[in-house]
Amino acid sequence: MQAHIFKNGFLGRPLRAKGFEHREAAVGWQVLTHNLWVPARLEQKAALAQAA
């Protein structure tokens, strides 16, 4: 399921960057976005659990 979320949620459908260099840069930015998003969601979930 994680790969599905990453592929469709972060990369978009279709990947709009044209040319290998642009696609490579777009994927790099999407990986960074995903890697920042995951810990933020975990922290948010922990804070909600602690408040309950």
N, C-alpha and C. Protein backbone atom coordinates (compact mmCIF):
# COMPACT_ATOMS: atom_id res chain seq x y z
N MET A 1 0.82 -1.19 0.00
CA MET A 1 0.00 0.00 0.00
C MET A 1 0.86 1.26 0.00
N GLN A 2 2.00 1.23 0.69
CA GLN A 2 2.88 2.40 0.74
C GLN A 2 3.33 2.82 -0.66
N ALA A 3 3.71 1.85 -1.48
CA ALA A 3 4.17 2.18 -2.83
C ALA A 3 3.06 2.81 -3.64
N HIS A 4 1.84 2.32 -3.44
CA HIS A 4 0.69 2.86 -4.17
C HIS A 4 0.46 4.32 -3.78
N ILE A 5 0.52 4.61 -2.48
CA ILE A 5 0.34 5.99 -2.01
C ILE A 5 1.44 6.88 -2.59
N PHE A 6 2.67 6.39 -2.54
CA PHE A 6 3.79 7.19 -3.06
C PHE A 6 3.63 7.44 -4.55
N LYS A 7 3.34 6.39 -5.30
CA LYS A 7 3.26 6.51 -6.76
C LYS A 7 2.13 7.43 -7.18
N ASN A 8 0.95 7.27 -6.60
CA ASN A 8 -0.21 8.03 -7.03
C ASN A 8 -0.39 9.34 -6.28
N GLY A 9 -0.04 9.37 -5.02
CA GLY A 9 -0.26 10.57 -4.23
C GLY A 9 0.83 11.61 -4.36
N PHE A 10 2.05 11.18 -4.46
CA PHE A 10 3.17 12.11 -4.49
C PHE A 10 3.70 12.37 -5.89
N LEU A 11 3.69 11.38 -6.74
CA LEU A 11 4.22 11.58 -8.09
C LEU A 11 3.18 12.16 -9.04
N GLY A 12 1.94 11.93 -8.77
CA GLY A 12 0.89 12.42 -9.64
C GLY A 12 0.64 11.47 -10.79
N ARG A 13 -0.45 11.71 -11.47
CA ARG A 13 -0.83 10.86 -12.61
C ARG A 13 -1.20 11.75 -13.75
N PRO A 14 -0.57 11.80 -14.82
CA PRO A 14 0.75 11.22 -15.09
C PRO A 14 1.86 12.12 -14.58
N LEU A 15 3.06 11.58 -14.49
CA LEU A 15 4.22 12.39 -14.12
C LEU A 15 4.46 13.38 -15.25
N ARG A 16 4.35 14.65 -14.97
CA ARG A 16 4.33 15.66 -16.02
C ARG A 16 5.70 16.11 -16.53
N ALA A 17 6.76 15.84 -15.78
CA ALA A 17 8.09 16.27 -16.20
C ALA A 17 8.49 15.55 -17.48
N LYS A 18 9.04 16.31 -18.43
CA LYS A 18 9.46 15.72 -19.70
C LYS A 18 10.97 15.63 -19.74
N GLY A 19 11.46 14.56 -20.28
CA GLY A 19 12.90 14.35 -20.37
C GLY A 19 13.41 13.68 -19.10
N PHE A 20 14.45 12.88 -19.25
CA PHE A 20 14.95 12.11 -18.12
C PHE A 20 15.42 13.00 -16.98
N GLU A 21 16.14 14.06 -17.27
CA GLU A 21 16.68 14.92 -16.21
C GLU A 21 15.55 15.55 -15.40
N HIS A 22 14.50 16.00 -16.08
CA HIS A 22 13.39 16.62 -15.38
C HIS A 22 12.59 15.60 -14.58
N ARG A 23 12.43 14.41 -15.14
CA ARG A 23 11.73 13.34 -14.39
C ARG A 23 12.54 12.95 -13.17
N GLU A 24 13.85 12.86 -13.34
CA GLU A 24 14.71 12.50 -12.22
C GLU A 24 14.61 13.54 -11.11
N ALA A 25 14.61 14.82 -11.48
CA ALA A 25 14.49 15.89 -10.48
C ALA A 25 13.12 15.84 -9.81
N ALA A 26 12.07 15.60 -10.59
CA ALA A 26 10.72 15.54 -10.03
C ALA A 26 10.60 14.38 -9.04
N VAL A 27 11.15 13.24 -9.38
CA VAL A 27 11.10 12.09 -8.47
C VAL A 27 11.90 12.40 -7.21
N GLY A 28 13.03 13.04 -7.35
CA GLY A 28 13.83 13.41 -6.18
C GLY A 28 13.07 14.31 -5.23
N TRP A 29 12.37 15.32 -5.77
CA TRP A 29 11.57 16.21 -4.92
C TRP A 29 10.42 15.45 -4.27
N GLN A 30 9.82 14.53 -5.01
CA GLN A 30 8.71 13.77 -4.46
C GLN A 30 9.18 12.83 -3.34
N VAL A 31 10.35 12.25 -3.49
CA VAL A 31 10.90 11.39 -2.44
C VAL A 31 11.16 12.22 -1.19
N LEU A 32 11.73 13.40 -1.35
CA LEU A 32 11.97 14.28 -0.21
C LEU A 32 10.66 14.65 0.47
N THR A 33 9.65 15.01 -0.31
CA THR A 33 8.34 15.36 0.23
C THR A 33 7.76 14.19 1.02
N HIS A 34 7.83 13.02 0.44
CA HIS A 34 7.31 11.83 1.12
C HIS A 34 8.05 11.56 2.42
N ASN A 35 9.38 11.67 2.38
CA ASN A 35 10.19 11.38 3.56
C ASN A 35 9.99 12.41 4.67
N LEU A 36 9.53 13.60 4.35
CA LEU A 36 9.19 14.59 5.36
C LEU A 36 7.76 14.40 5.86
N TRP A 37 6.89 13.95 4.98
CA TRP A 37 5.48 13.78 5.30
C TRP A 37 5.26 12.62 6.27
N VAL A 38 5.95 11.52 6.06
CA VAL A 38 5.73 10.32 6.89
C VAL A 38 6.03 10.59 8.36
N PRO A 39 7.20 11.13 8.74
CA PRO A 39 7.44 11.38 10.17
C PRO A 39 6.47 12.42 10.76
N ALA A 40 6.07 13.39 9.96
CA ALA A 40 5.12 14.40 10.45
C ALA A 40 3.79 13.74 10.80
N ARG A 41 3.33 12.81 9.96
CA ARG A 41 2.08 12.10 10.24
C ARG A 41 2.23 11.22 11.48
N LEU A 42 3.37 10.56 11.64
CA LEU A 42 3.58 9.72 12.82
C LEU A 42 3.58 10.56 14.10
N GLU A 43 4.22 11.72 14.03
CA GLU A 43 4.26 12.61 15.19
C GLU A 43 2.85 13.11 15.52
N GLN A 44 2.08 13.45 14.50
CA GLN A 44 0.72 13.92 14.70
C GLN A 44 -0.15 12.81 15.33
N LYS A 45 0.01 11.61 14.83
CA LYS A 45 -0.74 10.48 15.37
C LYS A 45 -0.38 10.22 16.83
N ALA A 46 0.89 10.31 17.17
CA ALA A 46 1.33 10.11 18.55
C ALA A 46 0.76 11.20 19.47
N ALA A 47 0.74 12.43 19.00
CA ALA A 47 0.20 13.53 19.80
C ALA A 47 -1.30 13.35 20.04
N LEU A 48 -2.02 12.90 19.03
CA LEU A 48 -3.45 12.66 19.20
C LEU A 48 -3.71 11.52 20.17
N ALA A 49 -2.90 10.48 20.11
CA ALA A 49 -3.05 9.34 21.01
C ALA A 49 -2.75 9.74 22.44
N GLN A 50 -1.78 10.61 22.61
CA GLN A 50 -1.38 11.06 23.95
C GLN A 50 -2.47 11.97 24.55
N ALA A 51 -3.14 12.75 23.72
CA ALA A 51 -4.18 13.66 24.18
C ALA A 51 -5.45 12.90 24.58
N ALA A 52 -5.64 11.73 24.01
CA ALA A 52 -6.88 10.98 24.30
C ALA A 52 -6.85 10.21 25.57
